[in-house]
Amino acid sequence: MSDILIVDDEKDIRDLIADILKDEGYATRTAANSDACMEAINTEAPALMILDIWLKDSRMDGIDILKTVKRDNPDIPIIIISGHGNIEIAVAAIKQGAYDFISKPFNIDQLMVVISRAMETSRLRRENSSLRRRDLHSGDMIGTSAAFRRLKDQLDKVTKSNGRVMLTGDPGSGKESAARYIHQHSTRAAAAFVTVNSATIAPERMEEVLFGRETAERGIEKGLLEQAHGGVIYFDEVAEMPLGTQSKILRVLTEQQFSRVGGSDKVRVDLRVISSTTRNLTAEIAAGRFRQELYDRLNVVPIAVPSLAERREDVPLIAAHFIEVFNRTQGLALRPLSEEAVASLQTMDWPGNIRELRNVIERVLILGDGTGPIEARELPGNAALPEEGRIVLGGQLASLPLREARELFEREYLLTQINRFGGNISRTAAFVGMERSALHRKLKSLGVVTSAKSGRGGAGFDETEEDEIEAAGDEV
């Protein structure tokens, strides 16, 4: 949006202004009537409009165009020009949102001064709009694990299309970051990314929030759908959307237009839709809480976002990323993670996933003394040992005979390390100081059962390593 649209029914005037502006280095477009003007704006919104107030053989006059443009594109400055200028017309134009009013015949130097100021205003408005859209959430994708690589491969495949995407996963697993990644790497990256927090909007206000409203007192108030025009609308926790609203959203997806609450005019929108949910939408449909037709529209490309437990190898990278983010945004100390802290983070349970990890890192940085590496004792559930070289035995462990206690400890210890290294036997063996074959035999003797993926319930191995464990067991 960097050119100037000139709207005047007199060709000589259009060409004169266009030639002057081109000599000054501006790109221009021209329109002779309201239909051509609106078509040009709908194709691509200009940085500035120069608009004649009287247009012969035109469906709308300059004031009507002014009202329409300021309603749908309020950030575009509009300079009104007129050969029948008087104070009443000028005041009316300014009241409707015109940037300035110039009478014909105009002074070229005066016109250029006004245009220069208006273009600077346009630039600042675009920058402010861009800054308002930024927040602490980002589309940064951090990781190297197999689960992360599969996710990123899927996201990369959908970035260049306009296909609707449904993201599923546990709370805090990074569904919004995945949605923002799609937006930032798409052809719509320069346009808005607007989030609809379906779970936090009161049902009785949902339609006003989405569609906007028109009242005599406050005029037109744009809803989230209009704010996302040209960009991406992200329905977070879409299963929380009221059934009545679901029907209207379905109509918007079909017709690409809607009416504001209290209004009658049709508003056209160009949107890409990304949705997310932590619920099983098939079960929600069966229970009558979600519409099958809307699900079919939204679930064009389903993508599952893995939990943090499925990508433990990525925990140190994500934690280091948050340390850098908090240093940049809050001025908190840029502290590295000690080896013990890394090991502790990888073995912790993360029911809140990435969101919980972020909170833990922020809390440690705020409460810490700001010097030296982050140590394991600063993390939740990692208090310092009561005496150097001693640990406190739990009641169950302390009550067992030595052999049973040792087996229980070894089993839990090895499960913890295997989960820490994402089920990788080679890396686990290297860390605990055992040969791979010896580790295989130990796991077999302790009755460690393999499963499809890593987690506290059991160690996860690939098929090759499962076969190796069986072979090692046969050798015992």
Protein backbone atom coordinates (compact mmCIF):
# COMPACT_ATOMS: atom_id res chain seq x y z
CA MET A 1 0.00 0.00 0.00
CA SER A 2 2.30 2.76 -1.26
CA ASP A 3 0.59 4.47 -4.20
CA ILE A 4 -1.82 7.41 -4.53
CA LEU A 5 -5.30 7.02 -6.04
CA ILE A 6 -6.58 10.09 -7.94
CA VAL A 7 -10.38 10.23 -8.44
CA ASP A 8 -11.72 13.01 -10.70
CA ASP A 9 -14.23 13.06 -13.56
CA GLU A 10 -12.03 15.47 -15.55
CA LYS A 11 -9.28 13.62 -17.43
CA ASP A 12 -7.09 16.72 -17.70
CA ILE A 13 -7.09 17.14 -13.91
CA ARG A 14 -6.38 13.43 -13.30
CA ASP A 15 -3.49 13.41 -15.75
CA LEU A 16 -2.06 16.71 -14.45
CA ILE A 17 -1.97 15.54 -10.82
CA ALA A 18 -0.64 12.12 -11.82
CA ASP A 19 2.19 13.64 -13.88
CA ILE A 20 3.19 16.01 -11.06
CA LEU A 21 3.22 13.16 -8.52
CA LYS A 22 5.21 10.85 -10.82
CA ASP A 23 7.83 13.60 -11.21
CA GLU A 24 8.07 13.65 -7.41
CA GLY A 25 8.63 9.88 -7.29
CA TYR A 26 5.13 8.74 -6.30
CA ALA A 27 3.29 5.80 -7.89
CA THR A 28 -0.26 6.66 -8.94
CA ARG A 29 -3.54 5.17 -10.14
CA THR A 30 -6.55 7.03 -11.49
CA ALA A 31 -10.34 6.60 -11.55
CA ALA A 32 -13.00 8.63 -13.33
CA ASN A 33 -16.08 7.59 -11.30
CA SER A 34 -17.18 5.89 -8.10
CA ASP A 35 -17.34 2.36 -9.54
CA ALA A 36 -13.77 2.56 -10.85
CA CYS A 37 -12.69 4.11 -7.54
CA MET A 38 -14.18 1.33 -5.39
CA GLU A 39 -12.82 -1.35 -7.71
CA ALA A 40 -9.33 0.14 -7.37
CA ILE A 41 -9.60 0.23 -3.55
CA ASN A 42 -10.89 -3.35 -3.35
CA THR A 43 -8.04 -4.53 -5.56
CA GLU A 44 -5.42 -2.88 -3.34
CA ALA A 45 -5.94 -0.14 -0.78
CA PRO A 46 -3.86 2.97 -1.65
CA ALA A 47 -1.65 4.89 0.77
CA LEU A 48 -3.54 8.12 -0.03
CA MET A 49 -6.59 9.29 -2.01
CA ILE A 50 -7.10 12.59 -3.83
CA LEU A 51 -10.87 12.79 -4.34
CA ASP A 52 -13.01 15.24 -6.30
CA ILE A 53 -16.23 15.96 -4.43
CA TRP A 54 -18.34 16.37 -7.61
CA LEU A 55 -18.29 13.40 -10.02
CA LYS A 56 -20.41 13.52 -13.21
CA ASP A 57 -22.27 10.38 -14.31
CA SER A 58 -21.26 8.60 -11.13
CA ARG A 59 -23.33 6.40 -8.82
CA MET A 60 -21.76 8.00 -5.72
CA ASP A 61 -20.48 11.52 -5.15
CA GLY A 62 -17.27 12.37 -3.32
CA ILE A 63 -18.91 12.57 0.11
CA ASP A 64 -20.51 9.13 -0.35
CA ILE A 65 -17.14 7.67 -1.38
CA LEU A 66 -15.50 9.40 1.58
CA LYS A 67 -17.99 7.86 4.00
CA THR A 68 -17.58 4.38 2.52
CA VAL A 69 -13.79 4.45 2.45
CA LYS A 70 -13.48 5.82 6.00
CA ARG A 71 -15.88 3.12 7.17
CA ASP A 72 -14.02 0.20 5.56
CA ASN A 73 -10.45 1.60 5.37
CA PRO A 74 -10.17 4.23 8.11
CA ASP A 75 -6.37 4.46 7.90
CA ILE A 76 -6.36 5.86 4.34
CA PRO A 77 -5.94 9.68 4.38
CA ILE A 78 -8.25 11.40 1.85
CA ILE A 79 -7.64 14.86 0.40
CA ILE A 80 -10.84 16.39 -1.02
CA ILE A 81 -10.59 18.73 -4.03
CA SER A 82 -13.46 20.74 -5.52
CA GLY A 83 -14.08 23.47 -8.08
CA HIS A 84 -17.14 24.59 -6.13
CA GLY A 85 -15.45 24.98 -2.81
CA ASN A 86 -17.08 26.78 0.07
CA ILE A 87 -16.71 26.65 3.81
CA GLU A 88 -19.82 24.49 4.32
CA ILE A 89 -18.56 21.76 1.96
CA ALA A 90 -15.10 21.85 3.51
CA VAL A 91 -16.50 21.50 7.03
CA ALA A 92 -18.77 18.63 5.94
CA ALA A 93 -15.82 16.80 4.35
CA ILE A 94 -13.60 17.22 7.41
CA LYS A 95 -16.42 16.01 9.68
CA GLN A 96 -16.70 12.86 7.57
CA GLY A 97 -12.99 12.14 8.09
CA ALA A 98 -11.23 13.94 5.20
CA TYR A 99 -7.57 14.72 5.86
CA ASP A 100 -7.77 18.14 4.15
CA PHE A 101 -9.77 20.18 1.62
CA ILE A 102 -8.29 22.06 -1.37
CA SER A 103 -10.23 24.28 -3.80
CA LYS A 104 -9.72 24.29 -7.57
CA PRO A 105 -7.80 25.76 -9.22
CA PHE A 106 -5.21 24.63 -6.69
CA ASN A 107 -1.69 25.84 -6.13
CA ILE A 108 0.78 23.06 -7.02
CA ASP A 109 3.12 23.88 -4.14
CA GLN A 110 0.24 23.89 -1.68
CA LEU A 111 -1.02 20.55 -3.02
CA MET A 112 2.44 18.96 -2.69
CA VAL A 113 2.82 20.16 0.92
CA VAL A 114 -0.54 18.61 1.86
CA ILE A 115 0.26 15.38 0.00
CA SER A 116 3.66 15.10 1.69
CA ARG A 117 2.09 15.49 5.15
CA ALA A 118 -0.72 13.05 4.32
CA MET A 119 1.75 10.39 3.07
CA GLU A 120 3.72 10.69 6.30
CA THR A 121 0.48 10.28 8.24
CA SER A 122 -0.31 7.18 6.19
CA ARG A 123 3.13 5.71 6.91
CA LEU A 124 2.80 6.30 10.64
CA ARG A 125 -0.68 4.79 10.74
CA ARG A 126 0.57 1.64 8.99
CA GLU A 127 3.49 1.35 11.40
CA ASN A 128 1.23 1.84 14.43
CA SER A 129 -1.20 -0.75 13.11
CA SER A 130 1.64 -3.21 12.65
CA LEU A 131 2.94 -2.55 16.18
CA ARG A 132 -0.53 -3.03 17.67
CA ARG A 133 -0.71 -6.46 16.07
CA ARG A 134 2.51 -7.57 17.73
CA ASP A 135 2.44 -9.27 21.12
CA LEU A 136 4.49 -11.69 23.18
CA HIS A 137 3.21 -14.62 21.13
CA SER A 138 5.23 -15.38 18.06
CA GLY A 139 5.55 -17.90 15.29
CA ASP A 140 9.01 -19.00 16.44
CA MET A 141 9.35 -22.76 16.07
CA ILE A 142 12.12 -24.19 18.25
CA GLY A 143 13.30 -27.80 18.25
CA THR A 144 15.23 -30.65 16.65
CA SER A 145 13.33 -33.73 17.86
CA ALA A 146 11.64 -36.14 15.47
CA ALA A 147 8.18 -35.05 16.70
CA PHE A 148 9.07 -31.39 16.11
CA ARG A 149 10.43 -32.07 12.62
CA ARG A 150 7.23 -33.89 11.65
CA LEU A 151 5.15 -30.95 12.88
CA LYS A 152 7.25 -28.37 11.05
CA ASP A 153 7.15 -30.37 7.82
CA GLN A 154 3.35 -30.37 8.00
CA LEU A 155 3.19 -26.64 8.72
CA ASP A 156 5.57 -25.82 5.85
CA LYS A 157 3.30 -27.70 3.43
CA VAL A 158 0.27 -25.53 4.25
CA THR A 159 1.90 -22.09 4.48
CA LYS A 160 1.56 -21.19 0.79
CA SER A 161 -2.03 -22.33 0.38
CA ASN A 162 -5.26 -20.79 1.64
CA GLY A 163 -6.53 -24.11 2.97
CA ARG A 164 -8.26 -24.10 6.35
CA VAL A 165 -6.23 -25.76 9.09
CA MET A 166 -7.41 -27.43 12.30
CA LEU A 167 -4.73 -27.65 15.01
CA THR A 168 -5.29 -30.16 17.83
CA GLY A 169 -3.24 -30.77 20.97
CA ASP A 170 -2.98 -30.43 24.73
CA PRO A 171 -3.33 -27.02 26.42
CA GLY A 172 -0.10 -25.04 26.20
CA SER A 173 1.47 -27.26 23.54
CA GLY A 174 2.01 -24.38 21.11
CA LYS A 175 -1.03 -24.39 18.83
CA GLU A 176 -1.12 -20.58 18.55
CA SER A 177 2.60 -20.47 17.73
CA ALA A 178 1.95 -23.01 14.98
CA ALA A 179 -0.90 -20.85 13.64
CA ARG A 180 1.32 -17.75 13.67
CA TYR A 181 4.09 -19.70 11.91
CA ILE A 182 1.66 -20.50 9.09
CA HIS A 183 0.65 -16.83 8.86
CA GLN A 184 4.20 -15.45 8.97
CA HIS A 185 5.35 -17.75 6.16
CA SER A 186 2.29 -17.24 3.96
CA THR A 187 1.42 -14.72 1.25
CA ARG A 188 -0.74 -12.97 3.88
CA ALA A 189 2.17 -12.26 6.25
CA ALA A 190 1.91 -8.47 5.75
CA ALA A 191 -1.79 -8.50 6.73
CA ALA A 192 -3.40 -8.97 10.13
CA PHE A 193 -3.39 -12.05 12.34
CA VAL A 194 -6.49 -11.77 14.52
CA THR A 195 -7.21 -14.17 17.39
CA VAL A 196 -10.74 -15.07 18.49
CA ASN A 197 -10.55 -16.41 22.06
CA SER A 198 -13.73 -18.44 21.89
CA ALA A 199 -13.44 -19.63 25.51
CA THR A 200 -13.18 -16.12 27.00
CA ILE A 201 -15.89 -14.25 25.06
CA ALA A 202 -19.30 -14.24 26.73
CA PRO A 203 -21.81 -16.10 24.49
CA GLU A 204 -24.19 -13.12 24.43
CA ARG A 205 -21.39 -10.87 23.09
CA MET A 206 -19.88 -13.32 20.61
CA GLU A 207 -21.70 -12.00 17.54
CA GLU A 208 -20.93 -8.35 18.26
CA VAL A 209 -17.26 -9.22 18.81
CA LEU A 210 -17.05 -11.18 15.56
CA PHE A 211 -19.29 -9.17 13.22
CA GLY A 212 -19.14 -5.69 14.73
CA ARG A 213 -22.15 -3.47 15.21
CA GLU A 214 -23.86 -0.31 13.96
CA THR A 215 -25.62 2.11 16.31
CA ALA A 216 -26.90 5.65 15.91
CA GLU A 217 -24.86 6.79 18.90
CA ARG A 218 -21.49 5.26 18.04
CA GLY A 219 -21.75 4.62 14.32
CA ILE A 220 -19.84 1.67 12.88
CA GLU A 221 -17.67 -0.51 15.12
CA LYS A 222 -15.71 -3.17 13.26
CA GLY A 223 -15.66 -6.72 14.53
CA LEU A 224 -12.77 -9.17 14.50
CA LEU A 225 -13.73 -10.58 11.09
CA GLU A 226 -13.41 -7.14 9.46
CA GLN A 227 -10.16 -6.47 11.29
CA ALA A 228 -8.74 -9.68 9.81
CA HIS A 229 -9.72 -8.77 6.22
CA GLY A 230 -6.92 -9.82 3.88
CA GLY A 231 -5.17 -11.79 6.61
CA VAL A 232 -5.79 -14.69 8.99
CA ILE A 233 -8.56 -15.22 11.55
CA TYR A 234 -7.55 -17.72 14.26
CA PHE A 235 -10.37 -19.40 16.19
CA ASP A 236 -8.72 -20.50 19.44
CA GLU A 237 -10.68 -23.24 21.27
CA VAL A 238 -13.30 -23.27 18.54
CA ALA A 239 -15.32 -25.93 20.40
CA GLU A 240 -16.32 -23.21 22.91
CA MET A 241 -18.20 -21.23 20.25
CA PRO A 242 -22.00 -21.08 20.86
CA LEU A 243 -24.12 -23.17 18.48
CA GLY A 244 -25.98 -20.12 17.14
CA THR A 245 -22.71 -18.39 16.29
CA GLN A 246 -21.42 -21.57 14.67
CA SER A 247 -24.26 -21.38 12.14
CA LYS A 248 -23.43 -17.77 11.26
CA ILE A 249 -19.72 -18.49 10.94
CA LEU A 250 -20.59 -21.36 8.61
CA ARG A 251 -22.54 -18.87 6.45
CA VAL A 252 -19.58 -16.46 6.43
CA LEU A 253 -17.23 -19.23 5.28
CA THR A 254 -19.67 -20.07 2.49
CA GLU A 255 -20.57 -16.56 1.30
CA GLN A 256 -17.48 -14.55 2.39
CA GLN A 257 -19.79 -11.79 3.62
CA PHE A 258 -21.97 -10.85 6.58
CA SER A 259 -23.93 -7.98 8.16
CA ARG A 260 -22.95 -6.19 11.33
CA VAL A 261 -25.23 -6.43 14.36
CA GLY A 262 -27.80 -3.66 13.95
CA GLY A 263 -26.80 -3.03 10.32
CA SER A 264 -28.14 -4.04 6.93
CA ASP A 265 -25.17 -3.50 4.60
CA LYS A 266 -23.26 -6.57 3.47
CA VAL A 267 -19.57 -6.56 4.42
CA ARG A 268 -17.29 -8.65 2.21
CA VAL A 269 -14.16 -10.21 3.71
CA ASP A 270 -11.19 -12.14 2.37
CA LEU A 271 -9.93 -14.42 5.14
CA ARG A 272 -7.84 -17.48 5.78
CA VAL A 273 -9.21 -19.48 8.71
CA ILE A 274 -7.08 -21.44 11.20
CA SER A 275 -8.76 -23.13 14.17
CA SER A 276 -7.57 -25.01 17.23
CA THR A 277 -9.06 -27.17 19.95
CA THR A 278 -8.05 -29.29 22.92
CA ARG A 279 -11.33 -31.21 22.74
CA ASN A 280 -12.35 -34.25 20.72
CA LEU A 281 -14.62 -32.57 18.17
CA THR A 282 -16.06 -35.90 17.00
CA ALA A 283 -17.35 -36.44 20.54
CA GLU A 284 -18.60 -32.84 20.68
CA ILE A 285 -20.55 -33.41 17.44
CA ALA A 286 -22.05 -36.63 18.81
CA ALA A 287 -23.12 -34.74 21.94
CA GLY A 288 -24.79 -32.03 19.84
CA ARG A 289 -22.41 -29.29 20.95
CA PHE A 290 -20.64 -28.75 17.63
CA ARG A 291 -22.03 -28.62 14.11
CA GLN A 292 -20.87 -31.30 11.70
CA GLU A 293 -21.06 -28.88 8.74
CA LEU A 294 -18.76 -26.37 10.44
CA TYR A 295 -16.33 -29.12 11.40
CA ASP A 296 -16.19 -30.26 7.77
CA ARG A 297 -15.45 -26.68 6.66
CA LEU A 298 -12.72 -26.06 9.24
CA ASN A 299 -11.04 -29.47 9.27
CA VAL A 300 -9.65 -29.36 5.72
CA VAL A 301 -6.06 -29.93 6.90
CA PRO A 302 -5.86 -31.48 10.41
CA ILE A 303 -2.50 -31.11 12.18
CA ALA A 304 -1.72 -32.56 15.62
CA VAL A 305 0.66 -30.48 17.76
CA PRO A 306 2.76 -32.78 20.01
CA SER A 307 2.96 -32.32 23.77
CA LEU A 308 6.23 -31.41 25.46
CA ALA A 309 6.47 -34.97 26.83
CA GLU A 310 6.69 -36.17 23.22
CA ARG A 311 9.62 -33.86 22.48
CA ARG A 312 11.75 -33.81 25.64
CA GLU A 313 14.91 -33.38 23.58
CA ASP A 314 13.66 -29.89 22.68
CA VAL A 315 13.20 -28.71 26.29
CA PRO A 316 16.71 -27.18 26.68
CA LEU A 317 16.40 -25.33 23.34
CA ILE A 318 12.96 -23.95 24.22
CA ALA A 319 14.12 -22.95 27.72
CA ALA A 320 17.17 -21.14 26.29
CA HIS A 321 14.88 -19.36 23.82
CA PHE A 322 12.64 -18.11 26.65
CA ILE A 323 15.68 -16.89 28.60
CA GLU A 324 16.68 -14.80 25.57
CA VAL A 325 13.10 -13.52 25.10
CA PHE A 326 12.79 -12.41 28.73
CA ASN A 327 16.18 -10.73 28.53
CA ARG A 328 15.09 -8.79 25.44
CA THR A 329 11.55 -7.90 26.54
CA GLN A 330 11.90 -7.53 30.34
CA GLY A 331 15.60 -6.96 30.89
CA LEU A 332 15.95 -10.14 32.98
CA ALA A 333 19.42 -11.67 33.33
CA LEU A 334 20.73 -13.69 30.38
CA ARG A 335 21.71 -16.80 32.36
CA PRO A 336 22.79 -20.12 30.84
CA LEU A 337 21.44 -23.47 32.06
CA SER A 338 23.77 -25.75 34.01
CA GLU A 339 24.04 -29.40 32.93
CA GLU A 340 22.15 -30.45 36.06
CA ALA A 341 19.37 -27.94 35.31
CA VAL A 342 19.09 -29.24 31.74
CA ALA A 343 18.82 -32.83 33.00
CA SER A 344 16.19 -31.80 35.56
CA LEU A 345 14.09 -29.88 32.99
CA GLN A 346 14.10 -32.87 30.66
CA THR A 347 12.91 -35.28 33.34
CA MET A 348 10.18 -33.08 34.82
CA ASP A 349 6.51 -33.70 34.04
CA TRP A 350 5.03 -30.85 31.98
CA PRO A 351 1.21 -31.10 32.16
CA GLY A 352 1.05 -27.45 31.08
CA ASN A 353 3.48 -28.08 28.22
CA ILE A 354 5.37 -25.16 26.66
CA ARG A 355 3.28 -22.57 28.51
CA GLU A 356 4.28 -24.13 31.85
CA LEU A 357 7.96 -24.25 30.83
CA ARG A 358 7.79 -20.58 29.92
CA ASN A 359 6.31 -19.72 33.32
CA VAL A 360 8.98 -21.74 35.15
CA ILE A 361 11.81 -19.97 33.31
CA GLU A 362 10.29 -16.54 33.95
CA ARG A 363 9.86 -17.31 37.67
CA VAL A 364 13.45 -18.56 38.01
CA LEU A 365 14.83 -15.45 36.29
CA ILE A 366 12.75 -13.10 38.44
CA LEU A 367 13.56 -14.80 41.77
CA GLY A 368 17.22 -15.58 41.00
CA ASP A 369 20.16 -13.38 41.94
CA GLY A 370 20.89 -12.72 38.27
CA THR A 371 24.40 -14.19 38.27
CA GLY A 372 25.84 -17.49 37.12
CA PRO A 373 24.14 -20.42 35.44
CA ILE A 374 20.64 -21.54 36.42
CA GLU A 375 21.07 -24.51 38.78
CA ALA A 376 18.77 -27.50 39.27
CA ARG A 377 18.00 -26.46 42.85
CA GLU A 378 16.28 -23.28 41.51
CA LEU A 379 13.72 -25.33 39.60
CA PRO A 380 10.38 -26.49 41.08
CA GLY A 381 10.69 -29.73 43.04
CA ASN A 382 14.49 -29.56 43.15
CA ALA A 383 15.32 -28.34 46.65
CA ALA A 384 18.91 -28.56 47.86
CA LEU A 385 20.02 -31.77 49.56
CA PRO A 386 19.81 -31.58 53.36
CA GLU A 387 23.46 -32.55 53.74
CA GLU A 388 26.28 -32.80 51.26
CA GLY A 389 26.32 -36.23 49.59
CA ARG A 390 23.03 -37.41 51.12
CA ILE A 391 19.51 -37.94 49.78
CA VAL A 392 16.26 -38.38 51.69
CA LEU A 393 14.57 -41.75 51.13
CA GLY A 394 10.84 -41.84 50.62
CA GLY A 395 8.72 -43.93 52.94
CA GLN A 396 8.11 -46.76 50.45
CA LEU A 397 11.76 -47.03 49.42
CA ALA A 398 13.04 -46.92 53.01
CA SER A 399 10.75 -49.80 54.01
CA LEU A 400 11.99 -52.24 51.32
CA PRO A 401 14.79 -54.79 51.59
CA LEU A 402 18.01 -53.69 49.88
CA ARG A 403 17.56 -55.76 46.71
CA GLU A 404 13.99 -54.61 46.09
CA ALA A 405 14.86 -50.99 46.88
CA ARG A 406 17.82 -51.13 44.49
CA GLU A 407 15.67 -52.60 41.69
CA LEU A 408 12.96 -49.97 42.22
CA PHE A 409 15.54 -47.19 42.19
CA GLU A 410 17.31 -48.55 39.09
CA ARG A 411 14.03 -48.95 37.22
CA GLU A 412 12.85 -45.41 37.99
CA TYR A 413 16.30 -43.94 37.35
CA LEU A 414 16.68 -45.65 33.96
CA LEU A 415 13.10 -44.80 32.93
CA THR A 416 13.79 -41.16 33.80
CA GLN A 417 16.99 -41.08 31.71
CA ILE A 418 15.39 -42.86 28.74
CA ASN A 419 12.48 -40.41 28.77
CA ARG A 420 14.96 -37.55 29.09
CA PHE A 421 16.70 -38.64 25.88
CA GLY A 422 13.48 -39.24 23.97
CA GLY A 423 13.82 -43.04 23.99
CA ASN A 424 17.30 -42.97 22.43
CA ILE A 425 19.14 -46.00 23.93
CA SER A 426 22.58 -45.00 22.66
CA ARG A 427 22.46 -41.55 24.28
CA THR A 428 21.00 -43.00 27.50
CA ALA A 429 23.74 -45.62 27.71
CA ALA A 430 26.45 -43.00 27.17
CA PHE A 431 25.03 -40.78 29.91
CA VAL A 432 24.61 -43.52 32.55
CA GLY A 433 28.00 -45.01 31.71
CA MET A 434 26.93 -48.42 30.42
CA GLU A 435 27.45 -50.35 27.20
CA ARG A 436 24.35 -50.52 25.04
CA SER A 437 24.12 -54.29 25.34
CA ALA A 438 24.47 -54.08 29.12
CA LEU A 439 21.73 -51.45 29.28
CA HIS A 440 19.48 -53.64 27.13
CA ARG A 441 20.01 -56.58 29.50
CA LYS A 442 19.39 -54.41 32.55
CA LEU A 443 16.13 -53.08 31.12
CA LYS A 444 15.01 -56.61 30.33
CA SER A 445 15.81 -57.81 33.84
CA LEU A 446 13.92 -54.88 35.39
CA GLY A 447 10.85 -55.59 33.28
CA VAL A 448 10.88 -52.27 31.45
CA VAL A 449 8.12 -52.45 28.82
CA THR A 450 8.55 -50.57 25.56
CA SER A 451 5.76 -48.36 24.21
CA ALA A 452 5.00 -46.32 21.11
CA LYS A 453 6.37 -43.09 22.51
CA SER A 454 8.25 -41.78 25.50
CA GLY A 455 6.57 -40.74 28.72
CA ARG A 456 6.45 -41.57 32.42
CA GLY A 457 4.47 -44.73 31.78
CA GLY A 458 7.27 -46.46 29.88
CA ALA A 459 10.28 -45.97 27.69
CA GLY A 460 9.84 -45.27 24.02
CA PHE A 461 12.08 -46.87 21.42
CA ASP A 462 12.01 -47.20 17.68
CA GLU A 463 11.34 -50.65 16.19
CA THR A 464 15.04 -51.34 15.57
CA GLU A 465 15.93 -50.73 19.19
CA GLU A 466 13.00 -52.82 20.41
CA ASP A 467 14.33 -55.72 18.34
CA GLU A 468 17.79 -55.15 19.79
CA ILE A 469 16.40 -55.25 23.33
CA GLU A 470 14.65 -58.55 22.60
CA ALA A 471 17.86 -59.95 21.10
CA ALA A 472 19.87 -58.80 24.11
CA GLY A 473 17.33 -60.41 26.41
CA ASP A 474 17.67 -63.70 24.56
CA GLU A 475 21.41 -63.59 25.22
CA VAL A 476 20.97 -63.33 29.00
